[in-house]
């Protein structure tokens, strides 16, 4: 199973221990909309909250040992939906960086 397959499965199953293994200790999730970042612990808490659900499994567009890209349709607990393109960087077989571009969709 690839790194992104493992990560998407952990998110779907709300599996914090798997997320702990998949994310590098120096992990950064960068938000272009606000110019801010959150780290590993904050992302794991967000996953545990169940706030983010993929409407169907994300499509992995490309992945090698350095980077990955996937696309998904995400529904948040407040009912909002977004089409999300995510870019990942890998280090030591783990996700060290993630950034997304999102488009709001009609509910």
PDB file of N, CA and C in Angstrom:
ATOM      1  N   UNK A   1       0.854  -1.180   0.000  1.00  0.00           N
ATOM      2  CA  UNK A   1       0.000   0.000   0.000  1.00  0.00           C
ATOM      3  C   UNK A   1       0.899   1.242   0.000  1.00  0.00           C
ATOM      4  N   UNK A   2       0.576   2.208  -0.854  1.00  0.00           N
ATOM      5  CA  UNK A   2       1.377   3.428  -0.953  1.00  0.00           C
ATOM      6  C   UNK A   2       1.144   4.335   0.262  1.00  0.00           C
ATOM      7  N   UNK A   3       1.994   5.342   0.399  1.00  0.00           N
ATOM      8  CA  UNK A   3       1.858   6.290   1.509  1.00  0.00           C
ATOM      9  C   UNK A   3       0.491   6.973   1.463  1.00  0.00           C
ATOM     10  N   UNK A   4       0.077   7.433   0.277  1.00  0.00           N
ATOM     11  CA  UNK A   4      -1.215   8.127   0.178  1.00  0.00           C
ATOM     12  C   UNK A   4      -2.383   7.181   0.402  1.00  0.00           C
ATOM     13  N   UNK A   5      -2.274   5.945  -0.056  1.00  0.00           N
ATOM     14  CA  UNK A   5      -3.328   4.965   0.227  1.00  0.00           C
ATOM     15  C   UNK A   5      -3.461   4.754   1.731  1.00  0.00           C
ATOM     16  N   UNK A   6      -2.326   4.647   2.431  1.00  0.00           N
ATOM     17  CA  UNK A   6      -2.347   4.482   3.893  1.00  0.00           C
ATOM     18  C   UNK A   6      -2.961   5.708   4.571  1.00  0.00           C
ATOM     19  N   UNK A   7      -2.567   6.894   4.103  1.00  0.00           N
ATOM     20  CA  UNK A   7      -3.077   8.119   4.723  1.00  0.00           C
ATOM     21  C   UNK A   7      -4.580   8.259   4.495  1.00  0.00           C
ATOM     22  N   UNK A   8      -5.029   8.034   3.272  1.00  0.00           N
ATOM     23  CA  UNK A   8      -6.459   8.149   2.982  1.00  0.00           C
ATOM     24  C   UNK A   8      -7.274   7.126   3.762  1.00  0.00           C
ATOM     25  N   UNK A   9      -6.733   5.926   3.931  1.00  0.00           N
ATOM     26  CA  UNK A   9      -7.415   4.895   4.722  1.00  0.00           C
ATOM     27  C   UNK A   9      -7.506   5.328   6.188  1.00  0.00           C
ATOM     28  N   UNK A  10      -6.413   5.872   6.725  1.00  0.00           N
ATOM     29  CA  UNK A  10      -6.402   6.324   8.120  1.00  0.00           C
ATOM     30  C   UNK A  10      -7.414   7.445   8.346  1.00  0.00           C
ATOM     31  N   UNK A  11      -7.528   8.355   7.388  1.00  0.00           N
ATOM     32  CA  UNK A  11      -8.509   9.442   7.508  1.00  0.00           C
ATOM     33  C   UNK A  11      -9.919   8.872   7.463  1.00  0.00           C
ATOM     34  N   UNK A  12     -10.172   7.980   6.509  1.00  0.00           N
ATOM     35  CA  UNK A  12     -11.500   7.373   6.357  1.00  0.00           C
ATOM     36  C   UNK A  12     -11.914   6.616   7.618  1.00  0.00           C
ATOM     37  N   UNK A  13     -10.959   5.897   8.216  1.00  0.00           N
ATOM     38  CA  UNK A  13     -11.251   5.076   9.396  1.00  0.00           C
ATOM     39  C   UNK A  13     -11.061   5.831  10.706  1.00  0.00           C
ATOM     40  N   UNK A  14     -10.717   7.115  10.621  1.00  0.00           N
ATOM     41  CA  UNK A  14     -10.434   7.950  11.803  1.00  0.00           C
ATOM     42  C   UNK A  14      -9.455   7.213  12.722  1.00  0.00           C
ATOM     43  N   UNK A  15      -8.330   6.822  12.139  1.00  0.00           N
ATOM     44  CA  UNK A  15      -7.319   5.997  12.798  1.00  0.00           C
ATOM     45  C   UNK A  15      -6.118   6.861  13.195  1.00  0.00           C
ATOM     46  N   UNK A  16      -6.158   7.394  14.403  1.00  0.00           N
ATOM     47  CA  UNK A  16      -5.116   8.304  14.879  1.00  0.00           C
ATOM     48  C   UNK A  16      -3.757   7.622  14.975  1.00  0.00           C
ATOM     49  N   UNK A  17      -3.713   6.363  15.369  1.00  0.00           N
ATOM     50  CA  UNK A  17      -2.415   5.689  15.503  1.00  0.00           C
ATOM     51  C   UNK A  17      -1.748   5.514  14.139  1.00  0.00           C
ATOM     52  N   UNK A  18      -2.531   5.229  13.107  1.00  0.00           N
ATOM     53  CA  UNK A  18      -1.952   5.145  11.757  1.00  0.00           C
ATOM     54  C   UNK A  18      -1.485   6.512  11.285  1.00  0.00           C
ATOM     55  N   UNK A  19      -2.250   7.548  11.575  1.00  0.00           N
ATOM     56  CA  UNK A  19      -1.833   8.904  11.209  1.00  0.00           C
ATOM     57  C   UNK A  19      -0.517   9.256  11.898  1.00  0.00           C
ATOM     58  N   UNK A  20      -0.377   8.840  13.133  1.00  0.00           N
ATOM     59  CA  UNK A  20       0.856   9.070  13.895  1.00  0.00           C
ATOM     60  C   UNK A  20       2.051   8.453  13.168  1.00  0.00           C
ATOM     61  N   UNK A  21       1.871   7.272  12.592  1.00  0.00           N
ATOM     62  CA  UNK A  21       2.945   6.580  11.872  1.00  0.00           C
ATOM     63  C   UNK A  21       3.205   7.186  10.498  1.00  0.00           C
ATOM     64  N   UNK A  22       2.179   7.670   9.829  1.00  0.00           N
ATOM     65  CA  UNK A  22       2.280   8.155   8.449  1.00  0.00           C
ATOM     66  C   UNK A  22       2.878   9.557   8.376  1.00  0.00           C
ATOM     67  N   UNK A  23       2.559  10.404   9.362  1.00  0.00           N
ATOM     68  CA  UNK A  23       3.026  11.791   9.342  1.00  0.00           C
ATOM     69  C   UNK A  23       4.394  11.912  10.003  1.00  0.00           C
ATOM     70  N   UNK A  24       5.301  12.580   9.345  1.00  0.00           N
ATOM     71  CA  UNK A  24       6.641  12.860   9.867  1.00  0.00           C
ATOM     72  C   UNK A  24       6.506  13.770  11.090  1.00  0.00           C
ATOM     73  N   UNK A  25       7.418  13.666  12.027  1.00  0.00           N
ATOM     74  CA  UNK A  25       7.359  14.518  13.223  1.00  0.00           C
ATOM     75  C   UNK A  25       7.416  16.008  12.874  1.00  0.00           C
ATOM     76  N   UNK A  26       8.061  16.359  11.759  1.00  0.00           N
ATOM     77  CA  UNK A  26       8.162  17.755  11.327  1.00  0.00           C
ATOM     78  C   UNK A  26       7.086  18.128  10.303  1.00  0.00           C
ATOM     79  N   UNK A  27       5.999  17.382  10.272  1.00  0.00           N
ATOM     80  CA  UNK A  27       4.923  17.591   9.303  1.00  0.00           C
ATOM     81  C   UNK A  27       4.354  19.002   9.380  1.00  0.00           C
ATOM     82  N   UNK A  28       4.044  19.556   8.200  1.00  0.00           N
ATOM     83  CA  UNK A  28       3.398  20.870   8.092  1.00  0.00           C
ATOM     84  C   UNK A  28       2.269  20.780   7.068  1.00  0.00           C
ATOM     85  N   UNK A  29       1.077  21.257   7.448  1.00  0.00           N
ATOM     86  CA  UNK A  29      -0.062  21.372   6.536  1.00  0.00           C
ATOM     87  C   UNK A  29      -0.268  22.861   6.317  1.00  0.00           C
ATOM     88  N   UNK A  30       0.015  23.312   5.095  1.00  0.00           N
ATOM     89  CA  UNK A  30      -0.052  24.734   4.757  1.00  0.00           C
ATOM     90  C   UNK A  30      -1.385  25.073   4.100  1.00  0.00           C
ATOM     91  N   UNK A  31      -2.035  26.117   4.615  1.00  0.00           N
ATOM     92  CA  UNK A  31      -3.297  26.609   4.076  1.00  0.00           C
ATOM     93  C   UNK A  31      -3.035  27.880   3.265  1.00  0.00           C
ATOM     94  N   UNK A  32      -3.229  27.806   1.948  1.00  0.00           N
ATOM     95  CA  UNK A  32      -3.033  28.987   1.099  1.00  0.00           C
ATOM     96  C   UNK A  32      -4.064  30.067   1.396  1.00  0.00           C
ATOM     97  N   UNK A  33      -5.266  29.661   1.777  1.00  0.00           N
ATOM     98  CA  UNK A  33      -6.341  30.630   2.006  1.00  0.00           C
ATOM     99  C   UNK A  33      -6.012  31.616   3.120  1.00  0.00           C
ATOM    100  N   UNK A  34      -5.280  31.156   4.124  1.00  0.00           N
ATOM    101  CA  UNK A  34      -4.965  32.023   5.260  1.00  0.00           C
ATOM    102  C   UNK A  34      -3.474  32.301   5.416  1.00  0.00           C
ATOM    103  N   UNK A  35      -2.638  31.553   4.693  1.00  0.00           N
ATOM    104  CA  UNK A  35      -1.195  31.708   4.844  1.00  0.00           C
ATOM    105  C   UNK A  35      -0.672  31.117   6.138  1.00  0.00           C
ATOM    106  N   UNK A  36      -1.465  30.260   6.767  1.00  0.00           N
ATOM    107  CA  UNK A  36      -1.065  29.651   8.036  1.00  0.00           C
ATOM    108  C   UNK A  36      -0.789  28.163   7.856  1.00  0.00           C
ATOM    109  N   UNK A  37      -0.154  27.583   8.869  1.00  0.00           N
ATOM    110  CA  UNK A  37       0.159  26.158   8.864  1.00  0.00           C
ATOM    111  C   UNK A  37      -0.249  25.533  10.182  1.00  0.00           C
ATOM    112  N   UNK A  38      -0.512  24.233  10.139  1.00  0.00           N
ATOM    113  CA  UNK A  38      -0.694  23.464  11.365  1.00  0.00           C
ATOM    114  C   UNK A  38       0.238  22.263  11.296  1.00  0.00           C
ATOM    115  N   UNK A  39       0.519  21.697  12.455  1.00  0.00           N
ATOM    116  CA  UNK A  39       1.457  20.592  12.542  1.00  0.00           C
ATOM    117  C   UNK A  39       0.785  19.241  12.714  1.00  0.00           C
ATOM    118  N   UNK A  40       1.606  18.259  12.982  1.00  0.00           N
ATOM    119  CA  UNK A  40       1.176  16.866  13.088  1.00  0.00           C
ATOM    120  C   UNK A  40       0.071  16.674  14.121  1.00  0.00           C
ATOM    121  N   UNK A  41       0.274  17.161  15.331  1.00  0.00           N
ATOM    122  CA  UNK A  41      -0.707  16.950  16.407  1.00  0.00           C
ATOM    123  C   UNK A  41      -2.058  17.570  16.058  1.00  0.00           C
ATOM    124  N   UNK A  42      -2.038  18.761  15.462  1.00  0.00           N
ATOM    125  CA  UNK A  42      -3.295  19.435  15.105  1.00  0.00           C
ATOM    126  C   UNK A  42      -4.038  18.686  13.996  1.00  0.00           C
ATOM    127  N   UNK A  43      -3.308  18.157  13.026  1.00  0.00           N
ATOM    128  CA  UNK A  43      -3.949  17.396  11.953  1.00  0.00           C
ATOM    129  C   UNK A  43      -4.565  16.119  12.503  1.00  0.00           C
ATOM    130  N   UNK A  44      -3.854  15.447  13.389  1.00  0.00           N
ATOM    131  CA  UNK A  44      -4.387  14.213  13.979  1.00  0.00           C
ATOM    132  C   UNK A  44      -5.656  14.515  14.773  1.00  0.00           C
ATOM    133  N   UNK A  45      -5.674  15.601  15.529  1.00  0.00           N
ATOM    134  CA  UNK A  45      -6.882  15.985  16.265  1.00  0.00           C
ATOM    135  C   UNK A  45      -8.032  16.291  15.310  1.00  0.00           C
ATOM    136  N   UNK A  46      -7.727  16.954  14.191  1.00  0.00           N
ATOM    137  CA  UNK A  46      -8.745  17.270  13.186  1.00  0.00           C
ATOM    138  C   UNK A  46      -9.329  15.987  12.606  1.00  0.00           C
ATOM    139  N   UNK A  47      -8.464  15.026  12.280  1.00  0.00           N
ATOM    140  CA  UNK A  47      -8.938  13.727  11.766  1.00  0.00           C
ATOM    141  C   UNK A  47      -9.812  13.042  12.814  1.00  0.00           C
ATOM    142  N   UNK A  48      -9.369  13.048  14.060  1.00  0.00           N
ATOM    143  CA  UNK A  48     -10.137  12.401  15.138  1.00  0.00           C
ATOM    144  C   UNK A  48     -11.508  13.045  15.336  1.00  0.00           C
ATOM    145  N   UNK A  49     -11.639  14.321  15.003  1.00  0.00           N
ATOM    146  CA  UNK A  49     -12.915  15.017  15.186  1.00  0.00           C
ATOM    147  C   UNK A  49     -13.987  14.526  14.217  1.00  0.00           C
ATOM    148  N   UNK A  50     -13.579  13.885  13.123  1.00  0.00           N
ATOM    149  CA  UNK A  50     -14.539  13.427  12.128  1.00  0.00           C
ATOM    150  C   UNK A  50     -15.103  14.546  11.271  1.00  0.00           C
ATOM    151  N   UNK A  51     -14.493  15.728  11.323  1.00  0.00           N
ATOM    152  CA  UNK A  51     -14.992  16.893  10.583  1.00  0.00           C
ATOM    153  C   UNK A  51     -14.917  16.707   9.070  1.00  0.00           C
ATOM    154  N   UNK A  52     -13.931  15.959   8.597  1.00  0.00           N
ATOM    155  CA  UNK A  52     -13.681  15.826   7.164  1.00  0.00           C
ATOM    156  C   UNK A  52     -14.035  14.419   6.699  1.00  0.00           C
ATOM    157  N   UNK A  53     -14.904  14.335   5.700  1.00  0.00           N
ATOM    158  CA  UNK A  53     -15.287  13.036   5.117  1.00  0.00           C
ATOM    159  C   UNK A  53     -15.169  13.128   3.606  1.00  0.00           C
ATOM    160  N   UNK A  54     -14.519  12.156   3.003  1.00  0.00           N
ATOM    161  CA  UNK A  54     -14.480  12.071   1.542  1.00  0.00           C
ATOM    162  C   UNK A  54     -15.777  11.444   1.064  1.00  0.00           C
ATOM    163  N   UNK A  55     -16.391  12.053   0.036  1.00  0.00           N
ATOM    164  CA  UNK A  55     -17.632  11.490  -0.499  1.00  0.00           C
ATOM    165  C   UNK A  55     -17.390  10.152  -1.179  1.00  0.00           C
ATOM    166  N   UNK A  56     -16.211   9.979  -1.751  1.00  0.00           N
ATOM    167  CA  UNK A  56     -15.772   8.700  -2.303  1.00  0.00           C
ATOM    168  C   UNK A  56     -14.258   8.682  -2.173  1.00  0.00           C
ATOM    169  N   UNK A  57     -13.629   7.545  -2.335  1.00  0.00           N
ATOM    170  CA  UNK A  57     -12.173   7.504  -2.147  1.00  0.00           C
ATOM    171  C   UNK A  57     -11.448   8.515  -3.039  1.00  0.00           C
ATOM    172  N   UNK A  58     -10.447   9.206  -2.474  1.00  0.00           N
ATOM    173  CA  UNK A  58      -9.666  10.153  -3.279  1.00  0.00           C
ATOM    174  C   UNK A  58      -8.984   9.431  -4.445  1.00  0.00           C
ATOM    175  N   UNK A  59      -8.819  10.155  -5.550  1.00  0.00           N
ATOM    176  CA  UNK A  59      -8.083   9.622  -6.691  1.00  0.00           C
ATOM    177  C   UNK A  59      -6.631  10.052  -6.559  1.00  0.00           C
ATOM    178  N   UNK A  60      -5.732   9.089  -6.461  1.00  0.00           N
ATOM    179  CA  UNK A  60      -4.307   9.396  -6.428  1.00  0.00           C
ATOM    180  C   UNK A  60      -3.875   9.622  -7.874  1.00  0.00           C
ATOM    181  N   UNK A  61      -3.473  10.846  -8.175  1.00  0.00           N
ATOM    182  CA  UNK A  61      -3.108  11.221  -9.535  1.00  0.00           C
ATOM    183  C   UNK A  61      -1.662  10.883  -9.850  1.00  0.00           C
ATOM    184  N   UNK A  62      -0.788  10.997  -8.848  1.00  0.00           N
ATOM    185  CA  UNK A  62       0.630  10.697  -9.026  1.00  0.00           C
ATOM    186  C   UNK A  62       1.247  10.495  -7.653  1.00  0.00           C
ATOM    187  N   UNK A  63       2.170   9.541  -7.575  1.00  0.00           N
ATOM    188  CA  UNK A  63       2.913   9.330  -6.332  1.00  0.00           C
ATOM    189  C   UNK A  63       4.215   8.620  -6.655  1.00  0.00           C
ATOM    190  N   UNK A  64       5.311   9.140  -6.093  1.00  0.00           N
ATOM    191  CA  UNK A  64       6.588   8.434  -6.115  1.00  0.00           C
ATOM    192  C   UNK A  64       7.185   8.553  -4.720  1.00  0.00           C
ATOM    193  N   UNK A  65       8.482   8.328  -4.553  1.00  0.00           N
ATOM    194  CA  UNK A  65       9.046   8.358  -3.198  1.00  0.00           C
ATOM    195  C   UNK A  65       9.337   9.771  -2.695  1.00  0.00           C
ATOM    196  N   UNK A  66       9.085  10.795  -3.530  1.00  0.00           N
ATOM    197  CA  UNK A  66       9.342  12.177  -3.122  1.00  0.00           C
ATOM    198  C   UNK A  66       8.082  13.019  -2.964  1.00  0.00           C
ATOM    199  N   UNK A  67       7.093  12.815  -3.854  1.00  0.00           N
ATOM    200  CA  UNK A  67       5.884  13.641  -3.851  1.00  0.00           C
ATOM    201  C   UNK A  67       4.656  12.821  -4.213  1.00  0.00           C
ATOM    202  N   UNK A  68       3.488  13.388  -3.911  1.00  0.00           N
ATOM    203  CA  UNK A  68       2.229  12.776  -4.312  1.00  0.00           C
ATOM    204  C   UNK A  68       1.178  13.849  -4.527  1.00  0.00           C
ATOM    205  N   UNK A  69       0.176  13.511  -5.353  1.00  0.00           N
ATOM    206  CA  UNK A  69      -0.943  14.408  -5.628  1.00  0.00           C
ATOM    207  C   UNK A  69      -2.216  13.583  -5.629  1.00  0.00           C
ATOM    208  N   UNK A  70      -3.259  14.090  -4.982  1.00  0.00           N
ATOM    209  CA  UNK A  70      -4.558  13.430  -5.094  1.00  0.00           C
ATOM    210  C   UNK A  70      -5.682  14.457  -5.187  1.00  0.00           C
ATOM    211  N   UNK A  71      -6.844  13.969  -5.607  1.00  0.00           N
ATOM    212  CA  UNK A  71      -8.021  14.816  -5.770  1.00  0.00           C
ATOM    213  C   UNK A  71      -9.183  14.147  -5.063  1.00  0.00           C
ATOM    214  N   UNK A  72      -9.969  14.933  -4.358  1.00  0.00           N
ATOM    215  CA  UNK A  72     -11.111  14.364  -3.645  1.00  0.00           C
ATOM    216  C   UNK A  72     -12.252  15.375  -3.571  1.00  0.00           C
ATOM    217  N   UNK A  73     -13.429  14.852  -3.310  1.00  0.00           N
ATOM    218  CA  UNK A  73     -14.596  15.674  -2.995  1.00  0.00           C
ATOM    219  C   UNK A  73     -14.829  15.473  -1.502  1.00  0.00           C
ATOM    220  N   UNK A  74     -14.719  16.565  -0.757  1.00  0.00           N
ATOM    221  CA  UNK A  74     -14.753  16.511   0.702  1.00  0.00           C
ATOM    222  C   UNK A  74     -16.032  17.161   1.212  1.00  0.00           C
ATOM    223  N   UNK A  75     -16.631  16.535   2.214  1.00  0.00           N
ATOM    224  CA  UNK A  75     -17.788  17.117   2.893  1.00  0.00           C
ATOM    225  C   UNK A  75     -17.406  17.325   4.357  1.00  0.00           C
ATOM    226  N   UNK A  76     -17.630  18.534   4.838  1.00  0.00           N
ATOM    227  CA  UNK A  76     -17.310  18.881   6.219  1.00  0.00           C
ATOM    228  C   UNK A  76     -18.544  18.711   7.094  1.00  0.00           C
ATOM    229  N   UNK A  77     -18.336  18.646   8.393  1.00  0.00           N
ATOM    230  CA  UNK A  77     -19.449  18.413   9.322  1.00  0.00           C
ATOM    231  C   UNK A  77     -20.485  19.538   9.286  1.00  0.00           C
ATOM    232  N   UNK A  78     -20.098  20.734   8.814  1.00  0.00           N
ATOM    233  CA  UNK A  78     -21.066  21.837   8.702  1.00  0.00           C
ATOM    234  C   UNK A  78     -21.872  21.777   7.402  1.00  0.00           C
ATOM    235  N   UNK A  79     -21.654  20.714   6.599  1.00  0.00           N
ATOM    236  CA  UNK A  79     -22.405  20.529   5.363  1.00  0.00           C
ATOM    237  C   UNK A  79     -21.743  21.099   4.121  1.00  0.00           C
ATOM    238  N   UNK A  80     -20.701  21.900   4.281  1.00  0.00           N
ATOM    239  CA  UNK A  80     -20.009  22.466   3.123  1.00  0.00           C
ATOM    240  C   UNK A  80     -19.248  21.370   2.376  1.00  0.00           C
ATOM    241  N   UNK A  81     -19.164  21.535   1.052  1.00  0.00           N
ATOM    242  CA  UNK A  81     -18.453  20.581   0.205  1.00  0.00           C
ATOM    243  C   UNK A  81     -17.391  21.321  -0.598  1.00  0.00           C
ATOM    244  N   UNK A  82     -16.263  20.647  -0.823  1.00  0.00           N
ATOM    245  CA  UNK A  82     -15.187  21.221  -1.621  1.00  0.00           C
ATOM    246  C   UNK A  82     -14.558  20.150  -2.506  1.00  0.00           C
ATOM    247  N   UNK A  83     -14.129  20.587  -3.694  1.00  0.00           N
ATOM    248  CA  UNK A  83     -13.246  19.773  -4.527  1.00  0.00           C
ATOM    249  C   UNK A  83     -11.832  20.152  -4.099  1.00  0.00           C
ATOM    250  N   UNK A  84     -11.036  19.167  -3.695  1.00  0.00           N
ATOM    251  CA  UNK A  84      -9.729  19.443  -3.109  1.00  0.00           C
ATOM    252  C   UNK A  84      -8.623  18.742  -3.896  1.00  0.00           C
ATOM    253  N   UNK A  85      -7.626  19.521  -4.303  1.00  0.00           N
ATOM    254  CA  UNK A  85      -6.414  18.987  -4.907  1.00  0.00           C
ATOM    255  C   UNK A  85      -5.323  19.121  -3.848  1.00  0.00           C
ATOM    256  N   UNK A  86      -4.670  18.024  -3.526  1.00  0.00           N
ATOM    257  CA  UNK A  86      -3.649  18.049  -2.478  1.00  0.00           C
ATOM    258  C   UNK A  86      -2.289  17.666  -3.046  1.00  0.00           C
ATOM    259  N   UNK A  87      -1.269  18.360  -2.565  1.00  0.00           N
ATOM    260  CA  UNK A  87       0.130  18.101  -2.919  1.00  0.00           C
ATOM    261  C   UNK A  87       0.846  17.687  -1.641  1.00  0.00           C
ATOM    262  N   UNK A  88       1.603  16.619  -1.721  1.00  0.00           N
ATOM    263  CA  UNK A  88       2.324  16.076  -0.565  1.00  0.00           C
ATOM    264  C   UNK A  88       3.803  15.968  -0.892  1.00  0.00           C
ATOM    265  N   UNK A  89       4.642  16.191   0.122  1.00  0.00           N
ATOM    266  CA  UNK A  89       6.075  15.891   0.023  1.00  0.00           C
ATOM    267  C   UNK A  89       6.369  14.807   1.052  1.00  0.00           C
ATOM    268  N   UNK A  90       7.254  13.880   0.680  1.00  0.00           N
ATOM    269  CA  UNK A  90       7.600  12.762   1.551  1.00  0.00           C
ATOM    270  C   UNK A  90       9.059  12.854   1.998  1.00  0.00           C
ATOM    271  N   UNK A  91       9.317  12.378   3.206  1.00  0.00           N
ATOM    272  CA  UNK A  91      10.678  12.275   3.736  1.00  0.00           C
ATOM    273  C   UNK A  91      10.720  11.050   4.633  1.00  0.00           C
ATOM    274  N   UNK A  92      11.716  10.217   4.435  1.00  0.00           N
ATOM    275  CA  UNK A  92      11.881   9.001   5.243  1.00  0.00           C
ATOM    276  C   UNK A  92      10.638   8.117   5.200  1.00  0.00           C
ATOM    277  N   UNK A  93       9.952   8.084   4.052  1.00  0.00           N
ATOM    278  CA  UNK A  93       8.771   7.239   3.894  1.00  0.00           C
ATOM    279  C   UNK A  93       7.522   7.750   4.588  1.00  0.00           C
ATOM    280  N   UNK A  94       7.549   9.035   4.996  1.00  0.00           N
ATOM    281  CA  UNK A  94       6.404   9.636   5.687  1.00  0.00           C
ATOM    282  C   UNK A  94       6.038  10.956   5.021  1.00  0.00           C
ATOM    283  N   UNK A  95       4.830  11.426   5.292  1.00  0.00           N
ATOM    284  CA  UNK A  95       4.390  12.723   4.766  1.00  0.00           C
ATOM    285  C   UNK A  95       4.981  13.817   5.647  1.00  0.00           C
ATOM    286  N   UNK A  96       5.768  14.711   5.039  1.00  0.00           N
ATOM    287  CA  UNK A  96       6.367  15.809   5.799  1.00  0.00           C
ATOM    288  C   UNK A  96       5.693  17.148   5.494  1.00  0.00           C
ATOM    289  N   UNK A  97       5.026  17.248   4.332  1.00  0.00           N
ATOM    290  CA  UNK A  97       4.403  18.515   3.941  1.00  0.00           C
ATOM    291  C   UNK A  97       3.152  18.229   3.130  1.00  0.00           C
ATOM    292  N   UNK A  98       2.139  19.056   3.347  1.00  0.00           N
ATOM    293  CA  UNK A  98       0.891  18.945   2.592  1.00  0.00           C
ATOM    294  C   UNK A  98       0.346  20.343   2.372  1.00  0.00           C
ATOM    295  N   UNK A  99      -0.143  20.589   1.162  1.00  0.00           N
ATOM    296  CA  UNK A  99      -0.855  21.830   0.871  1.00  0.00           C
ATOM    297  C   UNK A  99      -2.015  21.475  -0.034  1.00  0.00           C
ATOM    298  N   UNK A 100      -3.065  22.268   0.049  1.00  0.00           N
ATOM    299  CA  UNK A 100      -4.259  21.980  -0.741  1.00  0.00           C
ATOM    300  C   UNK A 100      -4.726  23.218  -1.487  1.00  0.00           C
ATOM    301  N   UNK A 101      -5.430  22.950  -2.571  1.00  0.00           N
ATOM    302  CA  UNK A 101      -6.175  23.981  -3.293  1.00  0.00           C
ATOM    303  C   UNK A 101      -7.605  23.475  -3.331  1.00  0.00           C
ATOM    304  N   UNK A 102      -8.548  24.308  -2.944  1.00  0.00           N
ATOM    305  CA  UNK A 102      -9.934  23.853  -2.820  1.00  0.00           C
ATOM    306  C   UNK A 102     -10.890  24.801  -3.537  1.00  0.00           C
ATOM    307  N   UNK A 103     -11.924  24.211  -4.103  1.00  0.00           N
ATOM    308  CA  UNK A 103     -12.998  24.961  -4.740  1.00  0.00           C
ATOM    309  C   UNK A 103     -14.300  24.610  -4.039  1.00  0.00           C
ATOM    310  N   UNK A 104     -15.015  25.619  -3.560  1.00  0.00           N
ATOM    311  CA  UNK A 104     -16.308  25.372  -2.920  1.00  0.00           C
ATOM    312  C   UNK A 104     -17.299  24.845  -3.950  1.00  0.00           C
ATOM    313  N   UNK A 105     -18.113  23.879  -3.538  1.00  0.00           N
ATOM    314  CA  UNK A 105     -19.135  23.282  -4.391  1.00  0.00           C
ATOM    315  C   UNK A 105     -20.511  23.582  -3.820  1.00  0.00           C
ATOM    316  N   UNK A 106     -21.514  23.564  -4.676  1.00  0.00           N
ATOM    317  CA  UNK A 106     -22.885  23.714  -4.197  1.00  0.00           C
ATOM    318  C   UNK A 106     -23.240  22.527  -3.318  1.00  0.00           C
ATOM    319  N   UNK A 107     -24.028  22.772  -2.294  1.00  0.00           N
ATOM    320  CA  UNK A 107     -24.432  21.685  -1.387  1.00  0.00           C
ATOM    321  C   UNK A 107     -25.568  20.891  -1.953  1.00  0.00           C
TER     322      UNK A 107
END
